[in-house]
């Protein structure tokens, strides 16, 4: 097979997806490693509650992945992806506005849902 007849790997769609997933993964690991300590040290939560706050992201992301198929069927692929990205970005910035544990929990759940829907495989 000649080089010109092979499909290209580094297409615009591939690069956009790779950069988007890398950005979401970076945000996930950045907050996952610091949110429990922040909850305990700054917000006065117990160590157990700090662990719960940290783990809520994973639970919300799992729920987000489960609701992706019906959501895509309802609103379409592009709207679902853009909605997930917007929720993810707003939640990423929402941590700076959260003043108490309840707001952090809500932000954490929204962030996880955005990650779950946004990181689901979108290529046909």
Protein backbone atom coordinates (compact mmCIF):
# COMPACT_ATOMS: atom_id res chain seq x y z
CA UNK A 1 0.00 0.00 0.00
CA UNK A 2 1.49 3.32 -1.01
CA UNK A 3 1.75 6.25 1.37
CA UNK A 4 -0.68 8.33 -0.65
CA UNK A 5 -3.48 5.72 -0.52
CA UNK A 6 -3.44 5.33 3.27
CA UNK A 7 -5.89 7.43 5.27
CA UNK A 8 -4.32 10.29 7.22
CA UNK A 9 -4.13 9.98 10.99
CA UNK A 10 -3.62 13.60 11.97
CA UNK A 11 -6.85 15.03 10.63
CA UNK A 12 -8.56 18.11 12.01
CA UNK A 13 -11.16 15.92 13.72
CA UNK A 14 -8.50 13.75 15.37
CA UNK A 15 -6.46 16.72 16.61
CA UNK A 16 -9.53 18.53 17.95
CA UNK A 17 -10.64 15.42 19.83
CA UNK A 18 -7.16 14.72 21.18
CA UNK A 19 -6.65 18.28 22.41
CA UNK A 20 -10.14 18.39 23.93
CA UNK A 21 -9.68 15.11 25.78
CA UNK A 22 -6.19 16.11 26.95
CA UNK A 23 -7.60 19.37 28.33
CA UNK A 24 -10.42 17.58 30.14
CA UNK A 25 -8.01 14.99 31.53
CA UNK A 26 -5.65 17.70 32.77
CA UNK A 27 -8.53 19.46 34.53
CA UNK A 28 -9.70 16.16 36.03
CA UNK A 29 -6.29 15.28 37.47
CA UNK A 30 -5.64 18.82 38.68
CA UNK A 31 -8.85 19.01 40.68
CA UNK A 32 -8.89 15.35 41.74
CA UNK A 33 -5.54 15.69 43.48
CA UNK A 34 -6.40 18.88 45.35
CA UNK A 35 -10.13 19.01 46.06
CA UNK A 36 -10.14 16.68 49.09
CA UNK A 37 -7.41 18.68 50.83
CA UNK A 38 -9.12 21.94 49.93
CA UNK A 39 -12.42 20.68 51.34
CA UNK A 40 -10.78 19.66 54.61
CA UNK A 41 -8.32 22.54 55.08
CA UNK A 42 -10.28 25.51 53.77
CA UNK A 43 -13.95 24.50 54.04
CA UNK A 44 -13.64 22.60 57.32
CA UNK A 45 -15.03 19.29 56.08
CA UNK A 46 -14.12 16.01 57.75
CA UNK A 47 -11.61 13.73 56.05
CA UNK A 48 -14.42 11.37 55.07
CA UNK A 49 -16.43 14.20 53.53
CA UNK A 50 -13.33 15.37 51.65
CA UNK A 51 -13.04 11.90 50.14
CA UNK A 52 -16.71 11.90 49.21
CA UNK A 53 -16.37 15.31 47.54
CA UNK A 54 -13.40 14.02 45.57
CA UNK A 55 -15.19 10.84 44.51
CA UNK A 56 -18.39 12.60 43.46
CA UNK A 57 -16.70 13.61 40.23
CA UNK A 58 -16.22 9.98 39.19
CA UNK A 59 -19.79 9.08 40.11
CA UNK A 60 -21.16 12.06 38.16
CA UNK A 61 -18.92 11.25 35.18
CA UNK A 62 -20.23 7.67 35.17
CA UNK A 63 -23.81 8.94 35.23
CA UNK A 64 -22.90 11.35 32.43
CA UNK A 65 -21.66 8.49 30.29
CA UNK A 66 -24.86 6.55 30.94
CA UNK A 67 -27.11 9.42 29.88
CA UNK A 68 -25.06 10.34 26.80
CA UNK A 69 -26.84 8.05 24.32
CA UNK A 70 -30.38 9.20 25.19
CA UNK A 71 -29.16 12.82 25.34
CA UNK A 72 -27.57 12.57 21.88
CA UNK A 73 -30.72 10.96 20.51
CA UNK A 74 -32.82 13.77 21.97
CA UNK A 75 -30.77 16.83 20.96
CA UNK A 76 -28.23 15.61 18.39
CA UNK A 77 -24.50 15.01 18.47
CA UNK A 78 -23.28 18.56 18.03
CA UNK A 79 -25.65 20.12 20.58
CA UNK A 80 -24.84 17.38 23.11
CA UNK A 81 -21.11 17.85 22.71
CA UNK A 82 -21.27 21.64 22.86
CA UNK A 83 -23.55 21.46 25.92
CA UNK A 84 -21.10 19.13 27.66
CA UNK A 85 -18.14 21.37 26.86
CA UNK A 86 -19.96 24.46 28.12
CA UNK A 87 -21.01 22.73 31.35
CA UNK A 88 -17.46 21.43 31.81
CA UNK A 89 -15.90 24.86 31.27
CA UNK A 90 -18.36 26.68 33.53
CA UNK A 91 -17.89 24.09 36.27
CA UNK A 92 -14.11 24.35 35.95
CA UNK A 93 -14.37 28.04 36.70
CA UNK A 94 -17.11 27.49 39.26
CA UNK A 95 -14.66 26.21 41.85
CA UNK A 96 -13.34 29.75 42.27
CA UNK A 97 -16.84 30.99 43.15
CA UNK A 98 -17.74 28.16 45.54
CA UNK A 99 -17.63 29.46 49.12
CA UNK A 100 -18.99 26.48 51.03
CA UNK A 101 -19.05 22.71 50.86
CA UNK A 102 -22.52 22.50 49.28
CA UNK A 103 -21.44 24.72 46.39
CA UNK A 104 -18.27 22.65 45.89
CA UNK A 105 -20.37 19.46 45.82
CA UNK A 106 -22.75 20.96 43.23
CA UNK A 107 -19.84 22.23 41.13
CA UNK A 108 -18.12 18.85 41.41
CA UNK A 109 -21.24 17.04 40.17
CA UNK A 110 -21.70 19.42 37.22
CA UNK A 111 -18.01 19.10 36.36
CA UNK A 112 -18.26 15.30 36.41
CA UNK A 113 -21.40 15.28 34.25
CA UNK A 114 -19.72 17.54 31.70
CA UNK A 115 -16.67 15.28 31.64
CA UNK A 116 -18.77 12.13 31.31
CA UNK A 117 -20.77 13.39 28.37
CA UNK A 118 -17.90 15.29 26.75
CA UNK A 119 -15.35 12.48 26.95
CA UNK A 120 -17.66 9.86 25.49
CA UNK A 121 -16.53 8.66 22.08
CA UNK A 122 -18.13 10.90 19.46
CA UNK A 123 -16.60 9.46 16.28
CA UNK A 124 -18.95 7.33 14.20
